[in-house]
Amino acid sequence: MTKLRVCLISAFLIVASVPWFFTEFISGNILGFPTWAFYSLCITILYAIVTAFFFQRYWSLFADNNEE
């Protein structure tokens, strides 16, 4: 996996964590959270898992000081 792909996946998950499509018309609660907050929390947890995986697997890719 290239540095670009790792960065793009990370950026996509950050953008996806913002609940853009939730409006005031969508109401309800999931486990006591508003739906938009529950969605954002789940994506944030997914982002943390993916980031930990990238650190474990591709740390040496980013530790290299040489520019591509």
N, C-alpha and C. Protein backbone atom coordinates (compact mmCIF):
# COMPACT_ATOMS: atom_id res chain seq x y z
N MET A 1 0.85 -1.17 0.00
CA MET A 1 0.00 0.00 0.00
C MET A 1 0.90 1.24 0.00
N THR A 2 0.52 2.23 -0.77
CA THR A 2 1.33 3.44 -0.89
C THR A 2 0.94 4.47 0.17
N LYS A 3 1.81 5.45 0.34
CA LYS A 3 1.51 6.53 1.28
C LYS A 3 0.24 7.27 0.86
N LEU A 4 0.07 7.46 -0.44
CA LEU A 4 -1.10 8.17 -0.94
C LEU A 4 -2.38 7.44 -0.57
N ARG A 5 -2.40 6.13 -0.75
CA ARG A 5 -3.61 5.36 -0.45
C ARG A 5 -3.93 5.40 1.05
N VAL A 6 -2.92 5.29 1.89
CA VAL A 6 -3.13 5.36 3.34
C VAL A 6 -3.71 6.73 3.72
N CYS A 7 -3.14 7.78 3.14
CA CYS A 7 -3.63 9.13 3.44
C CYS A 7 -5.04 9.36 2.92
N LEU A 8 -5.35 8.83 1.75
CA LEU A 8 -6.70 8.99 1.19
C LEU A 8 -7.75 8.25 2.01
N ILE A 9 -7.43 7.05 2.46
CA ILE A 9 -8.36 6.31 3.31
C ILE A 9 -8.58 7.05 4.61
N SER A 10 -7.52 7.56 5.19
CA SER A 10 -7.64 8.32 6.43
C SER A 10 -8.47 9.59 6.24
N ALA A 11 -8.22 10.32 5.17
CA ALA A 11 -8.98 11.54 4.90
C ALA A 11 -10.45 11.23 4.63
N PHE A 12 -10.73 10.14 3.92
CA PHE A 12 -12.11 9.76 3.65
C PHE A 12 -12.86 9.48 4.95
N LEU A 13 -12.22 8.75 5.87
CA LEU A 13 -12.89 8.43 7.13
C LEU A 13 -13.11 9.67 7.98
N ILE A 14 -12.20 10.62 7.93
CA ILE A 14 -12.41 11.86 8.68
C ILE A 14 -13.60 12.63 8.11
N VAL A 15 -13.68 12.73 6.78
CA VAL A 15 -14.81 13.43 6.16
C VAL A 15 -16.11 12.67 6.41
N ALA A 16 -16.06 11.33 6.39
CA ALA A 16 -17.26 10.53 6.61
C ALA A 16 -17.77 10.62 8.04
N SER A 17 -16.90 11.00 8.97
CA SER A 17 -17.33 11.07 10.37
C SER A 17 -18.22 12.27 10.66
N VAL A 18 -18.25 13.22 9.76
CA VAL A 18 -19.12 14.39 9.93
C VAL A 18 -20.51 14.04 9.41
N PRO A 19 -21.52 14.15 10.24
CA PRO A 19 -22.87 13.74 9.81
C PRO A 19 -23.52 14.78 8.89
N TRP A 20 -23.06 14.85 7.64
CA TRP A 20 -23.53 15.85 6.68
C TRP A 20 -25.01 15.70 6.38
N PHE A 21 -25.48 14.48 6.25
CA PHE A 21 -26.82 14.25 5.72
C PHE A 21 -27.91 14.21 6.78
N PHE A 22 -27.56 14.41 8.03
CA PHE A 22 -28.57 14.44 9.07
C PHE A 22 -29.15 15.85 9.17
N THR A 23 -30.44 15.94 9.07
CA THR A 23 -31.12 17.22 9.17
C THR A 23 -32.07 17.18 10.35
N GLU A 24 -32.76 18.25 10.56
CA GLU A 24 -33.71 18.28 11.67
C GLU A 24 -34.93 17.41 11.40
N PHE A 25 -35.10 16.94 10.16
CA PHE A 25 -36.23 16.09 9.82
C PHE A 25 -36.03 14.66 10.32
N ILE A 26 -34.78 14.25 10.49
CA ILE A 26 -34.50 12.91 10.99
C ILE A 26 -34.39 13.01 12.51
N SER A 27 -35.30 12.34 13.18
CA SER A 27 -35.27 12.37 14.64
C SER A 27 -35.26 10.93 15.16
N GLY A 28 -34.86 10.79 16.37
CA GLY A 28 -34.83 9.48 16.99
C GLY A 28 -33.57 9.32 17.82
N ASN A 29 -33.57 8.25 18.58
CA ASN A 29 -32.43 7.95 19.45
C ASN A 29 -32.00 6.51 19.25
N ILE A 30 -30.70 6.30 19.34
CA ILE A 30 -30.13 4.96 19.32
C ILE A 30 -29.25 4.85 20.56
N LEU A 31 -29.62 3.97 21.45
CA LEU A 31 -28.90 3.77 22.72
C LEU A 31 -28.75 5.08 23.49
N GLY A 32 -29.74 5.93 23.40
CA GLY A 32 -29.73 7.19 24.13
C GLY A 32 -29.05 8.34 23.41
N PHE A 33 -28.43 8.08 22.28
CA PHE A 33 -27.78 9.12 21.48
C PHE A 33 -28.71 9.56 20.36
N PRO A 34 -28.67 10.83 19.98
CA PRO A 34 -29.35 11.21 18.73
C PRO A 34 -28.71 10.43 17.58
N THR A 35 -29.47 10.20 16.51
CA THR A 35 -28.95 9.38 15.42
C THR A 35 -27.67 9.95 14.83
N TRP A 36 -27.58 11.27 14.70
CA TRP A 36 -26.38 11.86 14.12
C TRP A 36 -25.17 11.65 15.01
N ALA A 37 -25.36 11.70 16.33
CA ALA A 37 -24.25 11.51 17.26
C ALA A 37 -23.81 10.04 17.28
N PHE A 38 -24.76 9.12 17.21
CA PHE A 38 -24.42 7.70 17.17
C PHE A 38 -23.65 7.36 15.90
N TYR A 39 -24.08 7.91 14.78
CA TYR A 39 -23.37 7.71 13.50
C TYR A 39 -21.94 8.23 13.61
N SER A 40 -21.79 9.44 14.11
CA SER A 40 -20.46 10.04 14.23
C SER A 40 -19.58 9.25 15.18
N LEU A 41 -20.13 8.77 16.26
CA LEU A 41 -19.38 7.96 17.22
C LEU A 41 -18.90 6.66 16.59
N CYS A 42 -19.77 6.00 15.84
CA CYS A 42 -19.39 4.73 15.19
C CYS A 42 -18.29 4.95 14.16
N ILE A 43 -18.38 5.99 13.35
CA ILE A 43 -17.35 6.26 12.36
C ILE A 43 -16.04 6.65 13.04
N THR A 44 -16.12 7.37 14.14
CA THR A 44 -14.92 7.75 14.88
C THR A 44 -14.22 6.52 15.45
N ILE A 45 -14.98 5.57 15.97
CA ILE A 45 -14.40 4.33 16.46
C ILE A 45 -13.77 3.55 15.32
N LEU A 46 -14.43 3.49 14.17
CA LEU A 46 -13.87 2.84 12.99
C LEU A 46 -12.57 3.52 12.56
N TYR A 47 -12.54 4.85 12.59
CA TYR A 47 -11.33 5.59 12.24
C TYR A 47 -10.18 5.24 13.19
N ALA A 48 -10.48 5.12 14.47
CA ALA A 48 -9.44 4.77 15.44
C ALA A 48 -8.89 3.37 15.18
N ILE A 49 -9.75 2.43 14.83
CA ILE A 49 -9.31 1.07 14.54
C ILE A 49 -8.45 1.05 13.28
N VAL A 50 -8.88 1.74 12.24
CA VAL A 50 -8.12 1.77 10.99
C VAL A 50 -6.78 2.46 11.20
N THR A 51 -6.75 3.54 11.96
CA THR A 51 -5.50 4.24 12.24
C THR A 51 -4.54 3.34 13.01
N ALA A 52 -5.03 2.62 14.00
CA ALA A 52 -4.18 1.70 14.75
C ALA A 52 -3.63 0.61 13.84
N PHE A 53 -4.46 0.10 12.92
CA PHE A 53 -4.00 -0.90 11.97
C PHE A 53 -2.91 -0.33 11.07
N PHE A 54 -3.11 0.89 10.57
CA PHE A 54 -2.11 1.53 9.71
C PHE A 54 -0.80 1.75 10.46
N PHE A 55 -0.88 2.18 11.70
CA PHE A 55 0.34 2.37 12.49
C PHE A 55 1.09 1.06 12.67
N GLN A 56 0.36 -0.01 12.96
CA GLN A 56 0.99 -1.29 13.19
C GLN A 56 1.58 -1.85 11.91
N ARG A 57 0.87 -1.73 10.82
CA ARG A 57 1.27 -2.40 9.58
C ARG A 57 2.22 -1.56 8.72
N TYR A 58 1.99 -0.24 8.66
CA TYR A 58 2.71 0.60 7.70
C TYR A 58 3.57 1.67 8.35
N TRP A 59 3.97 1.49 9.60
CA TRP A 59 4.78 2.48 10.29
C TRP A 59 6.08 2.72 9.54
N SER A 60 6.71 1.67 9.05
CA SER A 60 7.99 1.81 8.36
C SER A 60 7.85 2.59 7.05
N LEU A 61 6.69 2.54 6.44
CA LEU A 61 6.45 3.29 5.21
C LEU A 61 6.54 4.79 5.46
N PHE A 62 6.02 5.24 6.59
CA PHE A 62 6.06 6.67 6.92
C PHE A 62 7.31 7.07 7.67
N ALA A 63 8.01 6.12 8.26
CA ALA A 63 9.24 6.43 8.99
C ALA A 63 10.41 6.71 8.06
N ASP A 64 10.30 6.30 6.82
CA ASP A 64 11.36 6.53 5.85
C ASP A 64 11.45 8.02 5.54
N ASN A 65 12.66 8.58 5.62
CA ASN A 65 12.86 10.00 5.39
C ASN A 65 13.01 10.36 3.92
N ASN A 66 13.14 9.40 3.06
CA ASN A 66 13.30 9.66 1.63
C ASN A 66 11.98 10.06 1.00
N GLU A 67 12.02 11.08 0.18
CA GLU A 67 10.82 11.50 -0.54
C GLU A 67 10.65 10.63 -1.76
N GLU A 68 9.41 10.35 -2.11
CA GLU A 68 9.14 9.52 -3.29
C GLU A 68 9.26 10.31 -4.55
